[in-house]
Amino acid sequence: MAATKAASKTPARTAPTFAVIDDVIHYTSKAGDEITIDLDIPADALKKAMGDKDEDRDEDEQFDLIADIFGPDFQAAYDRMGALERRRLLRSFFVEFHKAASMPLGESSGSSDS
């Protein structure tokens, strides 16, 4: 689902880049990690993230459940991100998923009040 190329040991930070090509997010983090996330999420993972009608998960909870399928390299890159960079990636993920699937997930589903 996701592939991550770890940044070199060099502490140089770069400006993040972001593109969506054929429903795949291509993101280079400030730390230089190259992340690809396929927006075609397995149906069972999507169902788990959305929960049933009695559950009201916020974006962070939904993303954490989905991110499990992205693998340990993604998690390591995500752990290196600051709070703002994480929030921007999370928000971009939900916006692009919504565009690709024409269905709400995350904030666009009304799951939080922020």
PDB file of N, CA and C in Angstrom:
ATOM      1  N   MET A   1       0.807  -1.182   0.000  1.00  0.00           N
ATOM      2  CA  MET A   1       0.000   0.000   0.000  1.00  0.00           C
ATOM      3  C   MET A   1       0.857   1.255   0.000  1.00  0.00           C
ATOM      4  N   ALA A   2       1.855   1.323   0.861  1.00  0.00           N
ATOM      5  CA  ALA A   2       2.702   2.494   0.922  1.00  0.00           C
ATOM      6  C   ALA A   2       4.146   2.049   0.850  1.00  0.00           C
ATOM      7  N   ALA A   3       4.950   2.855   0.240  1.00  0.00           N
ATOM      8  CA  ALA A   3       6.373   2.586   0.180  1.00  0.00           C
ATOM      9  C   ALA A   3       7.083   3.813   0.697  1.00  0.00           C
ATOM     10  N   THR A   4       8.150   3.602   1.420  1.00  0.00           N
ATOM     11  CA  THR A   4       8.902   4.708   1.974  1.00  0.00           C
ATOM     12  C   THR A   4      10.373   4.447   1.763  1.00  0.00           C
ATOM     13  N   LYS A   5      11.059   5.435   1.241  1.00  0.00           N
ATOM     14  CA  LYS A   5      12.501   5.368   1.088  1.00  0.00           C
ATOM     15  C   LYS A   5      13.066   6.232   2.193  1.00  0.00           C
ATOM     16  N   ALA A   6      13.796   5.628   3.108  1.00  0.00           N
ATOM     17  CA  ALA A   6      14.317   6.345   4.268  1.00  0.00           C
ATOM     18  C   ALA A   6      15.295   7.425   3.842  1.00  0.00           C
ATOM     19  N   ALA A   7      15.253   8.508   4.567  1.00  0.00           N
ATOM     20  CA  ALA A   7      16.168   9.609   4.314  1.00  0.00           C
ATOM     21  C   ALA A   7      17.575   9.201   4.713  1.00  0.00           C
ATOM     22  N   SER A   8      18.545   9.852   4.090  1.00  0.00           N
ATOM     23  CA  SER A   8      19.926   9.581   4.468  1.00  0.00           C
ATOM     24  C   SER A   8      20.151  10.099   5.880  1.00  0.00           C
ATOM     25  N   LYS A   9      21.283   9.760   6.454  1.00  0.00           N
ATOM     26  CA  LYS A   9      21.612  10.179   7.821  1.00  0.00           C
ATOM     27  C   LYS A   9      21.901  11.677   7.899  1.00  0.00           C
ATOM     28  N   THR A  10      21.988  12.352   6.758  1.00  0.00           N
ATOM     29  CA  THR A  10      22.261  13.783   6.726  1.00  0.00           C
ATOM     30  C   THR A  10      21.084  14.553   7.307  1.00  0.00           C
ATOM     31  N   PRO A  11      21.346  15.467   8.241  1.00  0.00           N
ATOM     32  CA  PRO A  11      20.253  16.202   8.868  1.00  0.00           C
ATOM     33  C   PRO A  11      19.663  17.313   8.008  1.00  0.00           C
ATOM     34  N   ALA A  12      20.129  17.490   6.782  1.00  0.00           N
ATOM     35  CA  ALA A  12      19.606  18.554   5.920  1.00  0.00           C
ATOM     36  C   ALA A  12      18.114  18.375   5.696  1.00  0.00           C
ATOM     37  N   ARG A  13      17.384  19.474   5.869  1.00  0.00           N
ATOM     38  CA  ARG A  13      15.933  19.435   5.668  1.00  0.00           C
ATOM     39  C   ARG A  13      15.613  20.117   4.350  1.00  0.00           C
ATOM     40  N   THR A  14      14.651  19.564   3.661  1.00  0.00           N
ATOM     41  CA  THR A  14      14.248  20.112   2.374  1.00  0.00           C
ATOM     42  C   THR A  14      12.788  20.520   2.441  1.00  0.00           C
ATOM     43  N   ALA A  15      12.374  21.292   1.468  1.00  0.00           N
ATOM     44  CA  ALA A  15      10.959  21.653   1.379  1.00  0.00           C
ATOM     45  C   ALA A  15      10.182  20.409   0.948  1.00  0.00           C
ATOM     46  N   PRO A  16       9.076  20.115   1.614  1.00  0.00           N
ATOM     47  CA  PRO A  16       8.305  18.934   1.232  1.00  0.00           C
ATOM     48  C   PRO A  16       7.695  19.090  -0.162  1.00  0.00           C
ATOM     49  N   THR A  17       7.568  17.985  -0.868  1.00  0.00           N
ATOM     50  CA  THR A  17       6.898  17.995  -2.161  1.00  0.00           C
ATOM     51  C   THR A  17       5.728  17.027  -2.088  1.00  0.00           C
ATOM     52  N   PHE A  18       4.697  17.321  -2.877  1.00  0.00           N
ATOM     53  CA  PHE A  18       3.474  16.546  -2.820  1.00  0.00           C
ATOM     54  C   PHE A  18       2.868  16.485  -4.209  1.00  0.00           C
ATOM     55  N   ALA A  19       2.505  15.276  -4.642  1.00  0.00           N
ATOM     56  CA  ALA A  19       1.813  15.100  -5.916  1.00  0.00           C
ATOM     57  C   ALA A  19       0.933  13.866  -5.819  1.00  0.00           C
ATOM     58  N   VAL A  20      -0.157  13.864  -6.572  1.00  0.00           N
ATOM     59  CA  VAL A  20      -1.016  12.689  -6.668  1.00  0.00           C
ATOM     60  C   VAL A  20      -1.051  12.281  -8.131  1.00  0.00           C
ATOM     61  N   ILE A  21      -0.593  11.062  -8.394  1.00  0.00           N
ATOM     62  CA  ILE A  21      -0.552  10.539  -9.755  1.00  0.00           C
ATOM     63  C   ILE A  21      -1.234   9.179  -9.743  1.00  0.00           C
ATOM     64  N   ASP A  22      -2.272   9.039 -10.562  1.00  0.00           N
ATOM     65  CA  ASP A  22      -3.016   7.775 -10.656  1.00  0.00           C
ATOM     66  C   ASP A  22      -3.438   7.248  -9.287  1.00  0.00           C
ATOM     67  N   ASP A  23      -4.030   8.121  -8.487  1.00  0.00           N
ATOM     68  CA  ASP A  23      -4.543   7.763  -7.157  1.00  0.00           C
ATOM     69  C   ASP A  23      -3.450   7.303  -6.195  1.00  0.00           C
ATOM     70  N   VAL A  24      -2.231   7.741  -6.412  1.00  0.00           N
ATOM     71  CA  VAL A  24      -1.126   7.441  -5.502  1.00  0.00           C
ATOM     72  C   VAL A  24      -0.510   8.764  -5.056  1.00  0.00           C
ATOM     73  N   ILE A  25      -0.442   8.950  -3.746  1.00  0.00           N
ATOM     74  CA  ILE A  25       0.195  10.135  -3.185  1.00  0.00           C
ATOM     75  C   ILE A  25       1.706   9.911  -3.195  1.00  0.00           C
ATOM     76  N   HIS A  26       2.426  10.902  -3.702  1.00  0.00           N
ATOM     77  CA  HIS A  26       3.890  10.899  -3.679  1.00  0.00           C
ATOM     78  C   HIS A  26       4.298  12.098  -2.834  1.00  0.00           C
ATOM     79  N   TYR A  27       4.944  11.848  -1.722  1.00  0.00           N
ATOM     80  CA  TYR A  27       5.272  12.911  -0.786  1.00  0.00           C
ATOM     81  C   TYR A  27       6.717  12.767  -0.344  1.00  0.00           C
ATOM     82  N   THR A  28       7.447  13.860  -0.390  1.00  0.00           N
ATOM     83  CA  THR A  28       8.798  13.900   0.166  1.00  0.00           C
ATOM     84  C   THR A  28       8.737  14.795   1.385  1.00  0.00           C
ATOM     85  N   SER A  29       9.064  14.233   2.533  1.00  0.00           N
ATOM     86  CA  SER A  29       8.954  14.963   3.793  1.00  0.00           C
ATOM     87  C   SER A  29      10.086  15.976   3.941  1.00  0.00           C
ATOM     88  N   LYS A  30       9.973  16.803   4.952  1.00  0.00           N
ATOM     89  CA  LYS A  30      11.028  17.766   5.255  1.00  0.00           C
ATOM     90  C   LYS A  30      12.350  17.054   5.534  1.00  0.00           C
ATOM     91  N   ALA A  31      12.266  15.865   6.122  1.00  0.00           N
ATOM     92  CA  ALA A  31      13.471  15.091   6.441  1.00  0.00           C
ATOM     93  C   ALA A  31      14.031  14.371   5.219  1.00  0.00           C
ATOM     94  N   GLY A  32      13.301  14.423   4.094  1.00  0.00           N
ATOM     95  CA  GLY A  32      13.778  13.785   2.873  1.00  0.00           C
ATOM     96  C   GLY A  32      13.234  12.386   2.645  1.00  0.00           C
ATOM     97  N   ASP A  33      12.333  11.915   3.499  1.00  0.00           N
ATOM     98  CA  ASP A  33      11.717  10.598   3.299  1.00  0.00           C
ATOM     99  C   ASP A  33      10.789  10.666   2.090  1.00  0.00           C
ATOM    100  N   GLU A  34      10.917   9.694   1.199  1.00  0.00           N
ATOM    101  CA  GLU A  34      10.039   9.612   0.029  1.00  0.00           C
ATOM    102  C   GLU A  34       8.937   8.608   0.331  1.00  0.00           C
ATOM    103  N   ILE A  35       7.709   9.106   0.416  1.00  0.00           N
ATOM    104  CA  ILE A  35       6.567   8.300   0.817  1.00  0.00           C
ATOM    105  C   ILE A  35       5.603   8.192  -0.355  1.00  0.00           C
ATOM    106  N   THR A  36       5.131   6.984  -0.618  1.00  0.00           N
ATOM    107  CA  THR A  36       4.050   6.796  -1.587  1.00  0.00           C
ATOM    108  C   THR A  36       2.924   6.066  -0.879  1.00  0.00           C
ATOM    109  N   ILE A  37       1.719   6.577  -1.062  1.00  0.00           N
ATOM    110  CA  ILE A  37       0.539   5.991  -0.436  1.00  0.00           C
ATOM    111  C   ILE A  37      -0.514   5.769  -1.514  1.00  0.00           C
ATOM    112  N   ASP A  38      -0.864   4.518  -1.738  1.00  0.00           N
ATOM    113  CA  ASP A  38      -1.910   4.185  -2.696  1.00  0.00           C
ATOM    114  C   ASP A  38      -3.261   4.467  -2.044  1.00  0.00           C
ATOM    115  N   LEU A  39      -4.049   5.321  -2.681  1.00  0.00           N
ATOM    116  CA  LEU A  39      -5.358   5.670  -2.136  1.00  0.00           C
ATOM    117  C   LEU A  39      -6.392   4.560  -2.288  1.00  0.00           C
ATOM    118  N   ASP A  40      -6.061   3.528  -3.047  1.00  0.00           N
ATOM    119  CA  ASP A  40      -6.976   2.388  -3.220  1.00  0.00           C
ATOM    120  C   ASP A  40      -6.810   1.458  -2.016  1.00  0.00           C
ATOM    121  N   ILE A  41      -7.417   1.867  -0.927  1.00  0.00           N
ATOM    122  CA  ILE A  41      -7.304   1.176   0.361  1.00  0.00           C
ATOM    123  C   ILE A  41      -8.136  -0.101   0.337  1.00  0.00           C
ATOM    124  N   PRO A  42      -7.612  -1.199   0.879  1.00  0.00           N
ATOM    125  CA  PRO A  42      -8.430  -2.415   0.950  1.00  0.00           C
ATOM    126  C   PRO A  42      -9.751  -2.141   1.677  1.00  0.00           C
ATOM    127  N   ALA A  43     -10.816  -2.721   1.173  1.00  0.00           N
ATOM    128  CA  ALA A  43     -12.158  -2.469   1.700  1.00  0.00           C
ATOM    129  C   ALA A  43     -12.266  -2.766   3.194  1.00  0.00           C
ATOM    130  N   ASP A  44     -11.633  -3.840   3.657  1.00  0.00           N
ATOM    131  CA  ASP A  44     -11.735  -4.167   5.084  1.00  0.00           C
ATOM    132  C   ASP A  44     -11.033  -3.124   5.956  1.00  0.00           C
ATOM    133  N   ALA A  45      -9.923  -2.569   5.480  1.00  0.00           N
ATOM    134  CA  ALA A  45      -9.231  -1.521   6.237  1.00  0.00           C
ATOM    135  C   ALA A  45     -10.065  -0.243   6.267  1.00  0.00           C
ATOM    136  N   LEU A  46     -10.697   0.066   5.154  1.00  0.00           N
ATOM    137  CA  LEU A  46     -11.561   1.242   5.089  1.00  0.00           C
ATOM    138  C   LEU A  46     -12.751   1.094   6.033  1.00  0.00           C
ATOM    139  N   LYS A  47     -13.356  -0.068   6.014  1.00  0.00           N
ATOM    140  CA  LYS A  47     -14.504  -0.321   6.888  1.00  0.00           C
ATOM    141  C   LYS A  47     -14.104  -0.210   8.356  1.00  0.00           C
ATOM    142  N   LYS A  48     -12.936  -0.751   8.692  1.00  0.00           N
ATOM    143  CA  LYS A  48     -12.430  -0.685  10.066  1.00  0.00           C
ATOM    144  C   LYS A  48     -12.207   0.771  10.486  1.00  0.00           C
ATOM    145  N   ALA A  49     -11.629   1.566   9.582  1.00  0.00           N
ATOM    146  CA  ALA A  49     -11.341   2.965   9.903  1.00  0.00           C
ATOM    147  C   ALA A  49     -12.614   3.787  10.075  1.00  0.00           C
ATOM    148  N   MET A  50     -13.605   3.520   9.251  1.00  0.00           N
ATOM    149  CA  MET A  50     -14.844   4.289   9.323  1.00  0.00           C
ATOM    150  C   MET A  50     -15.697   3.881  10.514  1.00  0.00           C
ATOM    151  N   GLY A  51     -15.567   2.644  10.961  1.00  0.00           N
ATOM    152  CA  GLY A  51     -16.347   2.177  12.086  1.00  0.00           C
ATOM    153  C   GLY A  51     -17.804   1.981  11.718  1.00  0.00           C
ATOM    154  N   ASP A  52     -18.580   1.544  12.679  1.00  0.00           N
ATOM    155  CA  ASP A  52     -20.007   1.374  12.404  1.00  0.00           C
ATOM    156  C   ASP A  52     -20.754   2.662  12.765  1.00  0.00           C
ATOM    157  N   LYS A  53     -22.039   2.645  12.580  1.00  0.00           N
ATOM    158  CA  LYS A  53     -22.837   3.866  12.772  1.00  0.00           C
ATOM    159  C   LYS A  53     -22.812   4.386  14.207  1.00  0.00           C
ATOM    160  N   ASP A  54     -22.450   3.530  15.173  1.00  0.00           N
ATOM    161  CA  ASP A  54     -22.410   3.952  16.569  1.00  0.00           C
ATOM    162  C   ASP A  54     -21.054   4.533  16.969  1.00  0.00           C
ATOM    163  N   GLU A  55     -20.068   4.426  16.079  1.00  0.00           N
ATOM    164  CA  GLU A  55     -18.737   4.926  16.391  1.00  0.00           C
ATOM    165  C   GLU A  55     -18.516   6.273  15.691  1.00  0.00           C
ATOM    166  N   ASP A  56     -17.870   7.180  16.384  1.00  0.00           N
ATOM    167  CA  ASP A  56     -17.575   8.489  15.824  1.00  0.00           C
ATOM    168  C   ASP A  56     -16.075   8.724  15.961  1.00  0.00           C
ATOM    169  N   ARG A  57     -15.318   8.207  14.996  1.00  0.00           N
ATOM    170  CA  ARG A  57     -13.869   8.338  15.041  1.00  0.00           C
ATOM    171  C   ARG A  57     -13.450   9.661  14.416  1.00  0.00           C
ATOM    172  N   ASP A  58     -12.452  10.304  15.035  1.00  0.00           N
ATOM    173  CA  ASP A  58     -11.920  11.521  14.436  1.00  0.00           C
ATOM    174  C   ASP A  58     -10.862  11.154  13.392  1.00  0.00           C
ATOM    175  N   GLU A  59     -10.349  12.169  12.707  1.00  0.00           N
ATOM    176  CA  GLU A  59      -9.376  11.939  11.641  1.00  0.00           C
ATOM    177  C   GLU A  59      -8.138  11.199  12.129  1.00  0.00           C
ATOM    178  N   ASP A  60      -7.642  11.588  13.286  1.00  0.00           N
ATOM    179  CA  ASP A  60      -6.436  10.943  13.801  1.00  0.00           C
ATOM    180  C   ASP A  60      -6.663   9.448  14.018  1.00  0.00           C
ATOM    181  N   GLU A  61      -7.793   9.094  14.594  1.00  0.00           N
ATOM    182  CA  GLU A  61      -8.109   7.678  14.824  1.00  0.00           C
ATOM    183  C   GLU A  61      -8.261   6.933  13.500  1.00  0.00           C
ATOM    184  N   GLN A  62      -8.965   7.547  12.564  1.00  0.00           N
ATOM    185  CA  GLN A  62      -9.145   6.902  11.264  1.00  0.00           C
ATOM    186  C   GLN A  62      -7.803   6.706  10.565  1.00  0.00           C
ATOM    187  N   PHE A  63      -6.972   7.745  10.576  1.00  0.00           N
ATOM    188  CA  PHE A  63      -5.675   7.654   9.901  1.00  0.00           C
ATOM    189  C   PHE A  63      -4.787   6.606  10.563  1.00  0.00           C
ATOM    190  N   ASP A  64      -4.768   6.562  11.895  1.00  0.00           N
ATOM    191  CA  ASP A  64      -3.963   5.562  12.602  1.00  0.00           C
ATOM    192  C   ASP A  64      -4.375   4.147  12.203  1.00  0.00           C
ATOM    193  N   LEU A  65      -5.670   3.911  12.066  1.00  0.00           N
ATOM    194  CA  LEU A  65      -6.141   2.582  11.676  1.00  0.00           C
ATOM    195  C   LEU A  65      -5.765   2.254  10.232  1.00  0.00           C
ATOM    196  N   ILE A  66      -5.841   3.231   9.359  1.00  0.00           N
ATOM    197  CA  ILE A  66      -5.477   3.008   7.965  1.00  0.00           C
ATOM    198  C   ILE A  66      -3.959   2.892   7.820  1.00  0.00           C
ATOM    199  N   ALA A  67      -3.218   3.723   8.543  1.00  0.00           N
ATOM    200  CA  ALA A  67      -1.756   3.759   8.415  1.00  0.00           C
ATOM    201  C   ALA A  67      -1.112   2.427   8.779  1.00  0.00           C
ATOM    202  N   ASP A  68      -1.796   1.597   9.541  1.00  0.00           N
ATOM    203  CA  ASP A  68      -1.266   0.271   9.866  1.00  0.00           C
ATOM    204  C   ASP A  68      -0.920  -0.521   8.611  1.00  0.00           C
ATOM    205  N   ILE A  69      -1.667  -0.315   7.532  1.00  0.00           N
ATOM    206  CA  ILE A  69      -1.414  -1.073   6.307  1.00  0.00           C
ATOM    207  C   ILE A  69      -0.258  -0.490   5.499  1.00  0.00           C
ATOM    208  N   PHE A  70       0.224   0.706   5.863  1.00  0.00           N
ATOM    209  CA  PHE A  70       1.298   1.350   5.120  1.00  0.00           C
ATOM    210  C   PHE A  70       2.675   0.778   5.468  1.00  0.00           C
ATOM    211  N   GLY A  71       2.776   0.051   6.565  1.00  0.00           N
ATOM    212  CA  GLY A  71       4.019  -0.630   6.900  1.00  0.00           C
ATOM    213  C   GLY A  71       4.945   0.147   7.823  1.00  0.00           C
ATOM    214  N   PRO A  72       5.986  -0.541   8.308  1.00  0.00           N
ATOM    215  CA  PRO A  72       6.898   0.049   9.296  1.00  0.00           C
ATOM    216  C   PRO A  72       7.751   1.190   8.734  1.00  0.00           C
ATOM    217  N   ASP A  73       8.087   1.161   7.453  1.00  0.00           N
ATOM    218  CA  ASP A  73       8.881   2.253   6.885  1.00  0.00           C
ATOM    219  C   ASP A  73       8.092   3.558   6.898  1.00  0.00           C
ATOM    220  N   PHE A  74       6.804   3.464   6.590  1.00  0.00           N
ATOM    221  CA  PHE A  74       5.958   4.645   6.657  1.00  0.00           C
ATOM    222  C   PHE A  74       5.911   5.155   8.087  1.00  0.00           C
ATOM    223  N   GLN A  75       5.702   4.264   9.042  1.00  0.00           N
ATOM    224  CA  GLN A  75       5.589   4.682  10.436  1.00  0.00           C
ATOM    225  C   GLN A  75       6.865   5.362  10.911  1.00  0.00           C
ATOM    226  N   ALA A  76       8.013   4.848  10.495  1.00  0.00           N
ATOM    227  CA  ALA A  76       9.285   5.468  10.883  1.00  0.00           C
ATOM    228  C   ALA A  76       9.382   6.885  10.308  1.00  0.00           C
ATOM    229  N   ALA A  77       8.990   7.060   9.053  1.00  0.00           N
ATOM    230  CA  ALA A  77       9.004   8.390   8.426  1.00  0.00           C
ATOM    231  C   ALA A  77       8.001   9.310   9.118  1.00  0.00           C
ATOM    232  N   TYR A  78       6.834   8.785   9.429  1.00  0.00           N
ATOM    233  CA  TYR A  78       5.786   9.562  10.102  1.00  0.00           C
ATOM    234  C   TYR A  78       6.255   9.998  11.490  1.00  0.00           C
ATOM    235  N   ASP A  79       6.961   9.117  12.173  1.00  0.00           N
ATOM    236  CA  ASP A  79       7.483   9.437  13.506  1.00  0.00           C
ATOM    237  C   ASP A  79       8.508  10.571  13.470  1.00  0.00           C
ATOM    238  N   ARG A  80       9.205  10.735  12.339  1.00  0.00           N
ATOM    239  CA  ARG A  80      10.200  11.803  12.205  1.00  0.00           C
ATOM    240  C   ARG A  80       9.564  13.163  11.904  1.00  0.00           C
ATOM    241  N   MET A  81       8.296  13.184  11.554  1.00  0.00           N
ATOM    242  CA  MET A  81       7.618  14.439  11.199  1.00  0.00           C
ATOM    243  C   MET A  81       7.206  15.215  12.443  1.00  0.00           C
ATOM    244  N   GLY A  82       7.198  16.527  12.290  1.00  0.00           N
ATOM    245  CA  GLY A  82       6.681  17.380  13.343  1.00  0.00           C
ATOM    246  C   GLY A  82       5.153  17.395  13.295  1.00  0.00           C
ATOM    247  N   ALA A  83       4.557  18.021  14.272  1.00  0.00           N
ATOM    248  CA  ALA A  83       3.097  18.044  14.382  1.00  0.00           C
ATOM    249  C   ALA A  83       2.431  18.702  13.174  1.00  0.00           C
ATOM    250  N   LEU A  84       2.981  19.805  12.692  1.00  0.00           N
ATOM    251  CA  LEU A  84       2.378  20.485  11.543  1.00  0.00           C
ATOM    252  C   LEU A  84       2.500  19.655  10.272  1.00  0.00           C
ATOM    253  N   GLU A  85       3.670  19.061  10.069  1.00  0.00           N
ATOM    254  CA  GLU A  85       3.846  18.253   8.866  1.00  0.00           C
ATOM    255  C   GLU A  85       2.920  17.031   8.889  1.00  0.00           C
ATOM    256  N   ARG A  86       2.780  16.416  10.047  1.00  0.00           N
ATOM    257  CA  ARG A  86       1.851  15.280  10.168  1.00  0.00           C
ATOM    258  C   ARG A  86       0.424  15.707   9.833  1.00  0.00           C
ATOM    259  N   ARG A  87       0.008  16.840  10.385  1.00  0.00           N
ATOM    260  CA  ARG A  87      -1.352  17.322  10.174  1.00  0.00           C
ATOM    261  C   ARG A  87      -1.590  17.619   8.693  1.00  0.00           C
ATOM    262  N   ARG A  88      -0.606  18.216   8.039  1.00  0.00           N
ATOM    263  CA  ARG A  88      -0.752  18.518   6.608  1.00  0.00           C
ATOM    264  C   ARG A  88      -0.839  17.248   5.775  1.00  0.00           C
ATOM    265  N   LEU A  89      -0.014  16.252   6.097  1.00  0.00           N
ATOM    266  CA  LEU A  89      -0.073  14.986   5.364  1.00  0.00           C
ATOM    267  C   LEU A  89      -1.413  14.300   5.605  1.00  0.00           C
ATOM    268  N   LEU A  90      -1.843  14.266   6.843  1.00  0.00           N
ATOM    269  CA  LEU A  90      -3.117  13.644   7.192  1.00  0.00           C
ATOM    270  C   LEU A  90      -4.264  14.330   6.449  1.00  0.00           C
ATOM    271  N   ARG A  91      -4.287  15.654   6.482  1.00  0.00           N
ATOM    272  CA  ARG A  91      -5.354  16.413   5.821  1.00  0.00           C
ATOM    273  C   ARG A  91      -5.324  16.175   4.309  1.00  0.00           C
ATOM    274  N   SER A  92      -4.135  16.188   3.732  1.00  0.00           N
ATOM    275  CA  SER A  92      -4.004  15.956   2.288  1.00  0.00           C
ATOM    276  C   SER A  92      -4.466  14.555   1.912  1.00  0.00           C
ATOM    277  N   PHE A  93      -4.154  13.582   2.760  1.00  0.00           N
ATOM    278  CA  PHE A  93      -4.588  12.212   2.511  1.00  0.00           C
ATOM    279  C   PHE A  93      -6.117  12.156   2.417  1.00  0.00           C
ATOM    280  N   PHE A  94      -6.802  12.758   3.390  1.00  0.00           N
ATOM    281  CA  PHE A  94      -8.266  12.703   3.404  1.00  0.00           C
ATOM    282  C   PHE A  94      -8.879  13.476   2.229  1.00  0.00           C
ATOM    283  N   VAL A  95      -8.311  14.618   1.904  1.00  0.00           N
ATOM    284  CA  VAL A  95      -8.826  15.393   0.770  1.00  0.00           C
ATOM    285  C   VAL A  95      -8.675  14.600  -0.524  1.00  0.00           C
ATOM    286  N   GLU A  96      -7.508  14.015  -0.736  1.00  0.00           N
ATOM    287  CA  GLU A  96      -7.265  13.262  -1.971  1.00  0.00           C
ATOM    288  C   GLU A  96      -8.093  11.979  -2.017  1.00  0.00           C
ATOM    289  N   PHE A  97      -8.282  11.335  -0.871  1.00  0.00           N
ATOM    290  CA  PHE A  97      -9.128  10.141  -0.839  1.00  0.00           C
ATOM    291  C   PHE A  97     -10.554  10.515  -1.228  1.00  0.00           C
ATOM    292  N   HIS A  98     -11.031  11.602  -0.676  1.00  0.00           N
ATOM    293  CA  HIS A  98     -12.392  12.061  -0.971  1.00  0.00           C
ATOM    294  C   HIS A  98     -12.554  12.344  -2.466  1.00  0.00           C
ATOM    295  N   LYS A  99     -11.565  13.007  -3.060  1.00  0.00           N
ATOM    296  CA  LYS A  99     -11.610  13.293  -4.497  1.00  0.00           C
ATOM    297  C   LYS A  99     -11.625  12.003  -5.308  1.00  0.00           C
ATOM    298  N   ALA A 100     -10.759  11.071  -4.948  1.00  0.00           N
ATOM    299  CA  ALA A 100     -10.622   9.831  -5.715  1.00  0.00           C
ATOM    300  C   ALA A 100     -11.842   8.925  -5.571  1.00  0.00           C
ATOM    301  N   ALA A 101     -12.371   8.836  -4.367  1.00  0.00           N
ATOM    302  CA  ALA A 101     -13.457   7.892  -4.099  1.00  0.00           C
ATOM    303  C   ALA A 101     -14.841   8.525  -4.163  1.00  0.00           C
ATOM    304  N   SER A 102     -14.883   9.823  -4.175  1.00  0.00           N
ATOM    305  CA  SER A 102     -16.162  10.532  -4.111  1.00  0.00           C
ATOM    306  C   SER A 102     -16.993  10.065  -2.923  1.00  0.00           C
ATOM    307  N   MET A 103     -16.283   9.791  -1.825  1.00  0.00           N
ATOM    308  CA  MET A 103     -16.957   9.445  -0.574  1.00  0.00           C
ATOM    309  C   MET A 103     -16.171  10.043   0.580  1.00  0.00           C
ATOM    310  N   PRO A 104     -16.852  10.494   1.611  1.00  0.00           N
ATOM    311  CA  PRO A 104     -16.169  11.156   2.714  1.00  0.00           C
ATOM    312  C   PRO A 104     -15.458  10.178   3.643  1.00  0.00           C
ATOM    313  N   LEU A 105     -14.325  10.625   4.116  1.00  0.00           N
ATOM    314  CA  LEU A 105     -13.558   9.944   5.157  1.00  0.00           C
ATOM    315  C   LEU A 105     -12.835  11.061   5.879  1.00  0.00           C
ATOM    316  N   GLY A 106     -12.665  10.956   7.155  1.00  0.00           N
ATOM    317  CA  GLY A 106     -11.996  12.001   7.900  1.00  0.00           C
ATOM    318  C   GLY A 106     -12.912  13.184   8.131  1.00  0.00           C
ATOM    319  N   GLU A 107     -12.339  14.368   8.133  1.00  0.00           N
ATOM    320  CA  GLU A 107     -13.077  15.591   8.429  1.00  0.00           C
ATOM    321  C   GLU A 107     -14.273  15.784   7.510  1.00  0.00           C
ATOM    322  N   SER A 108     -14.113  15.416   6.250  1.00  0.00           N
ATOM    323  CA  SER A 108     -15.199  15.635   5.303  1.00  0.00           C
ATOM    324  C   SER A 108     -16.421  14.762   5.596  1.00  0.00           C
ATOM    325  N   SER A 109     -16.267  13.775   6.485  1.00  0.00           N
ATOM    326  CA  SER A 109     -17.415  12.941   6.842  1.00  0.00           C
ATOM    327  C   SER A 109     -18.169  13.513   8.034  1.00  0.00           C
ATOM    328  N   GLY A 110     -17.673  14.665   8.542  1.00  0.00           N
ATOM    329  CA  GLY A 110     -18.333  15.276   9.680  1.00  0.00           C
ATOM    330  C   GLY A 110     -18.013  14.568  10.983  1.00  0.00           C
ATOM    331  N   SER A 111     -16.864  13.885  11.034  1.00  0.00           N
ATOM    332  CA  SER A 111     -16.537  13.093  12.202  1.00  0.00           C
ATOM    333  C   SER A 111     -15.943  13.902  13.338  1.00  0.00           C
ATOM    334  N   SER A 112     -15.619  15.177  13.099  1.00  0.00           N
ATOM    335  CA  SER A 112     -15.123  15.999  14.186  1.00  0.00           C
ATOM    336  C   SER A 112     -15.658  17.410  14.029  1.00  0.00           C
ATOM    337  N   ASP A 113     -15.530  18.170  15.081  1.00  0.00           N
ATOM    338  CA  ASP A 113     -16.077  19.524  15.091  1.00  0.00           C
ATOM    339  C   ASP A 113     -15.036  20.589  14.788  1.00  0.00           C
ATOM    340  N   SER A 114     -13.811  20.212  14.499  1.00  0.00           N
ATOM    341  CA  SER A 114     -12.761  21.209  14.286  1.00  0.00           C
ATOM    342  C   SER A 114     -12.809  21.829  12.918  1.00  0.00           C
TER     343      SER A 114
END
